[in-house]
Amino acid sequence: MSYQLPLGIANASSVLVLVTLFLGLSDNDFVLLGPHDRIKFAGYTIDTWERWTYVMAFSVVSQISISINVNTLEPYITNVVRDHKTHRLGDPCHSHLVVQLKTSYDWILGILNTSLWVTLQVQFLLAGLLTDLVVSAVMTQRFMDAKKRDVLLSS
């Protein structure tokens, strides 16, 4: 638990520096808060709060999806499918299906996330960064707790 305080302070400091930097650049189109007729996402003008909410929700949900994917599905693919353990799991078709669905999903999400980056709006990017920090911290803590349980059970 004692390492969490310095980690939290480091993350908060990083975010504070980024926010300060971006707000210092607020005299240009890079930092527009809320909807604006100069913000474009996937060909749509984000000029209403409804559209802004959809884009912000996409930023957060896609980052949650990416973070969970990186922490769960990618290790499965690396450690089970590509490490030749598939034959022990039963049907190798299942592994192919998982890899093909993940690849397709990554492409679609990648295209949409590229559109998000092209908006060059710190409001959407900062939401993704904060989401990534929170989900990564939670997933890492869960992994550490599971490792601690495994050590206690094996002793």
Protein backbone atom coordinates (compact mmCIF):
# COMPACT_ATOMS: atom_id res chain seq x y z
CA MET A 1 0.00 0.00 0.00
CA SER A 2 2.86 2.42 0.70
CA TYR A 3 3.93 2.54 -2.96
CA GLN A 4 0.49 3.75 -4.04
CA LEU A 5 0.89 7.24 -2.53
CA PRO A 6 4.05 8.12 -4.51
CA LEU A 7 2.53 6.55 -7.62
CA GLY A 8 -0.65 8.58 -7.18
CA ILE A 9 1.35 11.77 -6.62
CA ALA A 10 3.45 11.07 -9.72
CA ASN A 11 0.37 10.45 -11.87
CA ALA A 12 -1.43 13.52 -10.51
CA SER A 13 1.67 15.64 -11.10
CA SER A 14 1.98 14.39 -14.68
CA VAL A 15 -1.66 15.17 -15.40
CA LEU A 16 -1.33 18.60 -13.76
CA VAL A 17 1.72 19.42 -15.90
CA LEU A 18 -0.10 18.31 -19.05
CA VAL A 19 -3.24 20.28 -18.21
CA THR A 20 -1.19 23.39 -17.40
CA LEU A 21 0.74 23.04 -20.64
CA PHE A 22 -2.38 22.57 -22.72
CA LEU A 23 -4.28 25.37 -21.04
CA GLY A 24 -1.29 27.61 -21.68
CA LEU A 25 -1.83 26.92 -25.37
CA SER A 26 -5.52 27.76 -25.13
CA ASP A 27 -5.29 30.74 -27.50
CA ASN A 28 -5.40 28.34 -30.47
CA ASP A 29 -7.75 25.60 -31.67
CA PHE A 30 -5.86 22.87 -29.81
CA VAL A 31 -7.67 23.57 -26.56
CA LEU A 32 -11.37 24.13 -27.07
CA LEU A 33 -13.54 23.13 -24.15
CA GLY A 34 -16.95 21.77 -25.04
CA PRO A 35 -18.54 21.66 -28.49
CA HIS A 36 -17.27 23.96 -31.22
CA ASP A 37 -17.85 24.31 -34.96
CA ARG A 38 -14.10 23.82 -35.60
CA ILE A 39 -14.02 20.35 -34.01
CA LYS A 40 -14.41 17.49 -36.49
CA PHE A 41 -14.61 13.80 -35.60
CA ALA A 42 -14.95 11.18 -38.35
CA GLY A 43 -16.34 13.79 -40.71
CA TYR A 44 -18.91 15.16 -38.26
CA THR A 45 -18.81 18.63 -36.78
CA ILE A 46 -18.94 18.39 -33.00
CA ASP A 47 -20.94 21.56 -32.43
CA THR A 48 -23.63 20.33 -30.02
CA TRP A 49 -23.40 18.98 -26.50
CA GLU A 50 -25.03 15.75 -27.65
CA ARG A 51 -22.31 15.09 -30.24
CA TRP A 52 -19.63 16.21 -27.80
CA THR A 53 -20.99 13.73 -25.24
CA TYR A 54 -20.86 10.91 -27.80
CA VAL A 55 -17.24 11.68 -28.71
CA MET A 56 -16.22 12.00 -25.05
CA ALA A 57 -17.97 8.71 -24.24
CA PHE A 58 -16.19 7.06 -27.17
CA SER A 59 -12.85 8.38 -25.89
CA VAL A 60 -13.42 6.92 -22.43
CA VAL A 61 -15.04 3.61 -23.46
CA SER A 62 -12.49 2.91 -26.20
CA GLN A 63 -9.63 3.53 -23.79
CA ILE A 64 -11.21 1.23 -21.19
CA SER A 65 -11.53 -1.40 -23.91
CA ILE A 66 -7.92 -0.96 -25.03
CA SER A 67 -6.58 -1.09 -21.47
CA ILE A 68 -8.51 -4.25 -20.60
CA ASN A 69 -7.55 -5.81 -23.93
CA VAL A 70 -3.85 -5.10 -23.35
CA ASN A 71 -3.98 -6.50 -19.82
CA THR A 72 -6.04 -9.64 -20.51
CA LEU A 73 -6.50 -10.76 -24.11
CA GLU A 74 -3.02 -9.92 -25.43
CA PRO A 75 -1.25 -11.95 -22.72
CA TYR A 76 -3.63 -14.86 -23.49
CA ILE A 77 -2.76 -14.69 -27.17
CA THR A 78 0.97 -14.40 -26.46
CA ASN A 79 1.21 -16.98 -23.70
CA VAL A 80 -1.35 -19.57 -24.82
CA VAL A 81 -2.04 -19.29 -28.53
CA ARG A 82 1.43 -18.31 -29.76
CA ASP A 83 3.24 -20.44 -27.17
CA HIS A 84 1.84 -23.65 -28.69
CA LYS A 85 -0.44 -24.46 -25.76
CA THR A 86 -3.56 -24.38 -27.92
CA HIS A 87 -3.65 -28.15 -28.46
CA ARG A 88 -4.05 -28.63 -24.70
CA LEU A 89 -7.10 -26.37 -24.65
CA GLY A 90 -9.13 -28.47 -27.05
CA ASP A 91 -10.40 -26.90 -30.26
CA PRO A 92 -7.74 -24.74 -31.99
CA CYS A 93 -10.57 -23.13 -33.98
CA HIS A 94 -11.49 -21.23 -30.79
CA SER A 95 -8.01 -19.66 -30.67
CA HIS A 96 -8.20 -18.66 -34.33
CA LEU A 97 -11.60 -17.08 -33.72
CA VAL A 98 -10.30 -15.10 -30.73
CA VAL A 99 -7.29 -13.83 -32.69
CA GLN A 100 -9.37 -12.92 -35.79
CA LEU A 101 -12.02 -11.09 -33.73
CA LYS A 102 -9.35 -9.22 -31.78
CA THR A 103 -7.55 -8.23 -34.98
CA SER A 104 -10.77 -6.98 -36.60
CA TYR A 105 -11.75 -5.09 -33.47
CA ASP A 106 -8.28 -3.52 -33.22
CA TRP A 107 -8.52 -2.28 -36.82
CA ILE A 108 -11.95 -0.71 -36.37
CA LEU A 109 -11.00 0.86 -33.06
CA GLY A 110 -7.70 2.04 -34.54
CA ILE A 111 -9.46 3.86 -37.37
CA LEU A 112 -11.87 5.56 -34.98
CA ASN A 113 -9.09 6.44 -32.54
CA THR A 114 -7.13 7.97 -35.42
CA SER A 115 -10.14 10.19 -36.04
CA LEU A 116 -10.06 11.12 -32.37
CA TRP A 117 -6.38 12.05 -32.57
CA VAL A 118 -6.98 14.06 -35.75
CA THR A 119 -9.39 16.31 -33.84
CA LEU A 120 -6.30 17.53 -31.96
CA GLN A 121 -8.50 18.26 -28.97
CA VAL A 122 -6.86 17.88 -25.61
CA GLN A 123 -10.29 17.50 -23.98
CA PHE A 124 -10.79 14.11 -25.67
CA LEU A 125 -7.17 13.00 -25.40
CA LEU A 126 -6.91 13.91 -21.72
CA ALA A 127 -10.04 11.88 -20.98
CA GLY A 128 -8.40 8.87 -22.64
CA LEU A 129 -5.15 9.42 -20.73
CA LEU A 130 -6.92 9.66 -17.37
CA THR A 131 -9.00 6.58 -18.18
CA ASP A 132 -5.87 4.63 -19.13
CA LEU A 133 -4.13 5.62 -15.89
CA VAL A 134 -7.09 4.58 -13.75
CA VAL A 135 -7.79 1.27 -15.53
CA SER A 136 -4.08 0.35 -15.60
CA ALA A 137 -3.75 1.08 -11.88
CA VAL A 138 -6.83 -1.02 -11.08
CA MET A 139 -5.75 -3.92 -13.30
CA THR A 140 -2.21 -3.86 -11.88
CA GLN A 141 -3.54 -3.82 -8.33
CA ARG A 142 -5.82 -6.78 -9.08
CA PHE A 143 -2.85 -8.67 -10.57
CA MET A 144 -0.70 -7.89 -7.53
CA ASP A 145 -3.49 -9.02 -5.17
CA ALA A 146 -3.88 -12.28 -7.12
CA LYS A 147 -0.11 -12.89 -6.97
CA LYS A 148 -0.18 -12.24 -3.22
CA ARG A 149 -3.02 -14.75 -2.81
CA ASP A 150 -1.13 -17.32 -4.88
CA VAL A 151 1.97 -16.91 -2.71
CA LEU A 152 -0.06 -17.22 0.48
CA LEU A 153 -1.87 -20.32 -0.81
CA SER A 154 1.33 -22.03 -1.92
CA SER A 155 3.11 -21.53 1.40
